[in-house]
Amino acid sequence: MELKTARLTVLIDPAKKKAFESLCARQDVTPSQVVRRLIRDYLASHGESFTPSGLAQPVTEDDSAAG
């Protein structure tokens, strides 16, 4: 898990935000958890590696599938 965080501000339609937050609550996950997973999956699907803050090695597609 990353040791540092950065803020990402996203503007969306209020109705979509409400529906998204409701779905997240029903699935017992936070919206932030879902967005972080979407970003990891998007990076992996495009073969983009990254090094999470606090880790020495880049995360590969194989690593991202594990967690």
C-alpha atoms as a PDB file:
ATOM      1  CA  MET A   1       0.000   0.000   0.000  1.00  0.00           C
ATOM      2  CA  GLU A   2       1.132   3.516  -0.752  1.00  0.00           C
ATOM      3  CA  LEU A   3       2.586   5.549   2.101  1.00  0.00           C
ATOM      4  CA  LYS A   4       1.772   8.980   0.667  1.00  0.00           C
ATOM      5  CA  THR A   5      -1.406  10.205  -0.935  1.00  0.00           C
ATOM      6  CA  ALA A   6      -2.346  12.964  -3.342  1.00  0.00           C
ATOM      7  CA  ARG A   7      -5.751  14.484  -3.954  1.00  0.00           C
ATOM      8  CA  LEU A   8      -7.554  14.051  -7.279  1.00  0.00           C
ATOM      9  CA  THR A   9     -10.569  16.295  -7.790  1.00  0.00           C
ATOM     10  CA  VAL A  10     -13.173  15.024 -10.225  1.00  0.00           C
ATOM     11  CA  LEU A  11     -16.270  16.920 -11.280  1.00  0.00           C
ATOM     12  CA  ILE A  12     -19.273  14.709 -12.059  1.00  0.00           C
ATOM     13  CA  ASP A  13     -23.012  15.033 -12.379  1.00  0.00           C
ATOM     14  CA  PRO A  14     -24.633  15.129  -8.910  1.00  0.00           C
ATOM     15  CA  ALA A  15     -27.047  12.309  -9.790  1.00  0.00           C
ATOM     16  CA  LYS A  16     -24.144  10.057 -10.861  1.00  0.00           C
ATOM     17  CA  LYS A  17     -22.281  10.913  -7.655  1.00  0.00           C
ATOM     18  CA  LYS A  18     -25.290   9.975  -5.541  1.00  0.00           C
ATOM     19  CA  ALA A  19     -25.811   6.698  -7.418  1.00  0.00           C
ATOM     20  CA  PHE A  20     -22.069   5.882  -7.187  1.00  0.00           C
ATOM     21  CA  GLU A  21     -21.957   6.569  -3.442  1.00  0.00           C
ATOM     22  CA  SER A  22     -25.107   4.506  -2.904  1.00  0.00           C
ATOM     23  CA  LEU A  23     -23.695   1.551  -4.842  1.00  0.00           C
ATOM     24  CA  CYS A  24     -20.395   1.772  -2.957  1.00  0.00           C
ATOM     25  CA  ALA A  25     -22.251   1.747   0.362  1.00  0.00           C
ATOM     26  CA  ARG A  26     -24.253  -1.329  -0.673  1.00  0.00           C
ATOM     27  CA  GLN A  27     -20.998  -3.074  -1.622  1.00  0.00           C
ATOM     28  CA  ASP A  28     -19.325  -1.979   1.654  1.00  0.00           C
ATOM     29  CA  VAL A  29     -16.488  -0.138  -0.102  1.00  0.00           C
ATOM     30  CA  THR A  30     -15.605   3.531  -0.111  1.00  0.00           C
ATOM     31  CA  PRO A  31     -15.756   5.582  -3.289  1.00  0.00           C
ATOM     32  CA  SER A  32     -12.014   6.211  -2.880  1.00  0.00           C
ATOM     33  CA  GLN A  33     -11.306   2.466  -2.828  1.00  0.00           C
ATOM     34  CA  VAL A  34     -13.269   1.995  -6.048  1.00  0.00           C
ATOM     35  CA  VAL A  35     -11.541   4.912  -7.797  1.00  0.00           C
ATOM     36  CA  ARG A  36      -8.089   3.660  -6.730  1.00  0.00           C
ATOM     37  CA  ARG A  37      -8.960   0.192  -8.080  1.00  0.00           C
ATOM     38  CA  LEU A  38     -10.207   1.698 -11.356  1.00  0.00           C
ATOM     39  CA  ILE A  39      -6.973   3.660 -11.754  1.00  0.00           C
ATOM     40  CA  ARG A  40      -4.812   0.576 -11.013  1.00  0.00           C
ATOM     41  CA  ASP A  41      -6.820  -1.496 -13.511  1.00  0.00           C
ATOM     42  CA  TYR A  42      -6.637   1.252 -16.143  1.00  0.00           C
ATOM     43  CA  LEU A  43      -2.857   1.539 -15.762  1.00  0.00           C
ATOM     44  CA  ALA A  44      -2.460  -2.248 -15.944  1.00  0.00           C
ATOM     45  CA  SER A  45      -4.701  -2.561 -19.020  1.00  0.00           C
ATOM     46  CA  HIS A  46      -2.444  -0.100 -20.838  1.00  0.00           C
ATOM     47  CA  GLY A  47       0.797  -1.715 -19.672  1.00  0.00           C
ATOM     48  CA  GLU A  48       1.746   1.314 -17.585  1.00  0.00           C
ATOM     49  CA  SER A  49       3.928   0.513 -14.578  1.00  0.00           C
ATOM     50  CA  PHE A  50       4.303   2.733 -11.531  1.00  0.00           C
ATOM     51  CA  THR A  51       6.099   2.717  -8.221  1.00  0.00           C
ATOM     52  CA  PRO A  52       3.772   3.389  -5.294  1.00  0.00           C
ATOM     53  CA  SER A  53       5.212   5.860  -2.830  1.00  0.00           C
ATOM     54  CA  GLY A  54       7.177   4.009  -0.177  1.00  0.00           C
ATOM     55  CA  LEU A  55       8.014   1.009  -2.372  1.00  0.00           C
ATOM     56  CA  ALA A  56      11.324   0.378  -4.106  1.00  0.00           C
ATOM     57  CA  GLN A  57      10.064  -1.665  -7.075  1.00  0.00           C
ATOM     58  CA  PRO A  58       7.568  -0.755  -9.801  1.00  0.00           C
ATOM     59  CA  VAL A  59       4.197  -2.481  -9.768  1.00  0.00           C
ATOM     60  CA  THR A  60       3.668  -4.698 -12.810  1.00  0.00           C
ATOM     61  CA  GLU A  61       0.470  -6.039 -14.312  1.00  0.00           C
ATOM     62  CA  ASP A  62       0.992  -9.337 -12.429  1.00  0.00           C
ATOM     63  CA  ASP A  63       1.352  -7.483  -9.100  1.00  0.00           C
ATOM     64  CA  SER A  64      -1.786  -5.405  -9.608  1.00  0.00           C
ATOM     65  CA  ALA A  65      -3.896  -8.522 -10.176  1.00  0.00           C
ATOM     66  CA  ALA A  66      -2.930  -9.777  -6.713  1.00  0.00           C
ATOM     67  CA  GLY A  67      -4.330  -6.814  -4.811  1.00  0.00           C
END
